[in-house]
């Protein structure tokens, strides 16, 4: 079968790779839609493992079931989305609701990756990481279940409540999903920032009440617009300037979500006295545990949150290199979907 193999952001090669062979209790899924995530183009994170087949935002059709798979759960022809990382659900972290730091979640994956024609879903993923898509949810929309699930998890971790105000720093794909979800959950005023007019416009379309150019004095502009700081600040950008703006923009007793990671070894000087005095909560959030993925699917299926309007490019597997460049350049694109059957 064909696969888009990653060497670096500007070197994506279409190569022949072996068709996965499933074993007992496993599934073979034909990829219908696979989204390119911002993490896929973080070269500092990916290139040390290259060459590899990326792609974890997938939706597809089950084409083969291994012996032992419960036919009441999954059958050939079922439309599904599949989690690449799954938790054990039994360790102390999982039992305390911290699935993102489970050892199993950090070591599981499907084979080989979403930017190909078929993937083998291991038994543990079948057990707790395969979700049937409602008929009303397209494959494209289904591929959003993982990125939206990550956002669901982050807002759940900071105890998002109706009426709370929010500032989203960085209006790329994740930032826009934060805006859409906050609006769906009944947030109060929502502000967003970026340096790109294209993305600032996208933030307004997603539901932001006001947008600021990140080059301006965001904390001052926010406090003038809101009459105070934001109850929740989302850092979906990791530059020091973005972190500084976020920490200066949060309301007393508010929360700052560190969603976009810095590179290993990088640091940032936190104003610990100010955080202590103002009772500010620092929240780190990573991954989409099963509960949050299911919530994301329900949000999309119910129509409470629309994602199809975020798709700017639908490309074939042969065009994956273009897709990676579009996402890496962060220009006039939002969600790029690879459709191997296109």
Foldseek 3Di string as FASTA:
>chain_A
DWFFWDQALQDTDIDDDDDDDEEALKWKWFWFKFWDDLVNHPCLPPNVPPGAGETFLTKTFTQDHHHPHDVVQDDGGFIKHFGFFAAPCPDPCNVVVNRVPHPRRVVGGWPGYNLGGMIMGDNVRSVQTIDTADPLADRHNSSCLWLLLLLLQQCVQQVQAAAFEEEEEDQAQSSLSNLLVSVLRHYHAYEYEEQAPLSQVSNVVSPHPYYDYLVDLLQVVQCVVPVAAGQEYEYPDDDLSSVVSRVSRHGQLHEYEDEHDDDPPDDHDDPVVVCVVSVYHYHYTDTRYRVSSVVSSVCPSVVSGDDPVQADEEEESVCVSVVSVCSNVVHNHHIYMYGPVD
